[in-house]
Amino acid sequence: MARIVLSVLGVLLAIYVVFGLLIPALFGIFKVLLIIAVIAFVAVAAVTVLGKLSK
C-alpha cells in the first residue's frame, strides 16, 4: 500500500515539475531569445540602411 501511495505522489510531483517549472522556464527562455532576435534584426537593418544611404 505504501508503495502505491509513494508511486502516486511521485507521479504528481513529476507532473508538477513539468507543468509548474519546466514549461514556464522554456517559454521564458523562448521569449528572451525572441527579443534578442528582434533587436539583432533591427540593428542589422539599421546598419544596412545607413550603409546604402551613405554611398
Protein backbone atom coordinates (compact mmCIF):
# COMPACT_ATOMS: atom_id res chain seq x y z
CA MET A 1 0.00 0.00 0.00
CA ALA A 2 2.82 2.40 0.86
CA ARG A 3 4.44 1.64 -2.47
CA ILE A 4 1.29 2.63 -4.35
CA VAL A 5 0.91 5.85 -2.35
CA LEU A 6 4.54 6.79 -2.95
CA SER A 7 4.21 5.99 -6.65
CA VAL A 8 1.16 8.25 -6.93
CA LEU A 9 2.97 11.02 -5.04
CA GLY A 10 5.97 10.62 -7.36
CA VAL A 11 3.78 10.92 -10.44
CA LEU A 12 2.06 14.01 -9.03
CA LEU A 13 5.43 15.58 -8.23
CA ALA A 14 6.70 14.83 -11.73
CA ILE A 15 3.60 16.43 -13.28
CA TYR A 16 4.06 19.48 -11.04
CA VAL A 17 7.71 19.83 -12.04
CA VAL A 18 6.91 19.57 -15.75
CA PHE A 19 3.92 21.90 -15.81
CA GLY A 20 4.91 24.21 -12.96
CA LEU A 21 8.61 24.67 -13.55
CA LEU A 22 9.89 23.42 -16.90
CA ILE A 23 7.23 24.71 -19.31
CA PRO A 24 7.22 28.28 -17.91
CA ALA A 25 11.03 28.27 -17.94
CA LEU A 26 11.08 27.18 -21.58
CA PHE A 27 8.57 29.89 -22.52
CA GLY A 28 10.68 32.45 -20.64
CA ILE A 29 13.83 31.41 -22.50
CA PHE A 30 11.95 31.48 -25.81
CA LYS A 31 10.66 34.98 -25.06
CA VAL A 32 14.17 36.26 -24.23
CA LEU A 33 15.59 34.72 -27.41
CA LEU A 34 12.79 36.27 -29.46
CA ILE A 35 13.50 39.72 -28.00
CA ILE A 36 17.24 39.33 -28.73
CA ALA A 37 16.45 38.24 -32.30
CA VAL A 38 14.22 41.28 -32.87
CA ILE A 39 16.90 43.63 -31.51
CA ALA A 40 19.54 41.99 -33.73
CA PHE A 41 17.25 42.29 -36.77
CA VAL A 42 16.67 45.99 -36.12
CA ALA A 43 20.40 46.59 -35.67
CA VAL A 44 21.30 44.77 -38.91
CA ALA A 45 18.54 46.58 -40.80
CA ALA A 46 19.72 49.97 -39.48
CA VAL A 47 23.34 49.29 -40.43
CA THR A 48 22.27 48.11 -43.89
CA VAL A 49 20.09 51.16 -44.49
CA LEU A 50 22.79 53.56 -43.24
CA GLY A 51 25.38 51.80 -45.40
CA LYS A 52 23.27 52.15 -48.53
CA LEU A 53 22.37 55.78 -47.79
CA SER A 54 25.97 56.88 -47.29
CA LYS A 55 27.05 55.79 -50.79
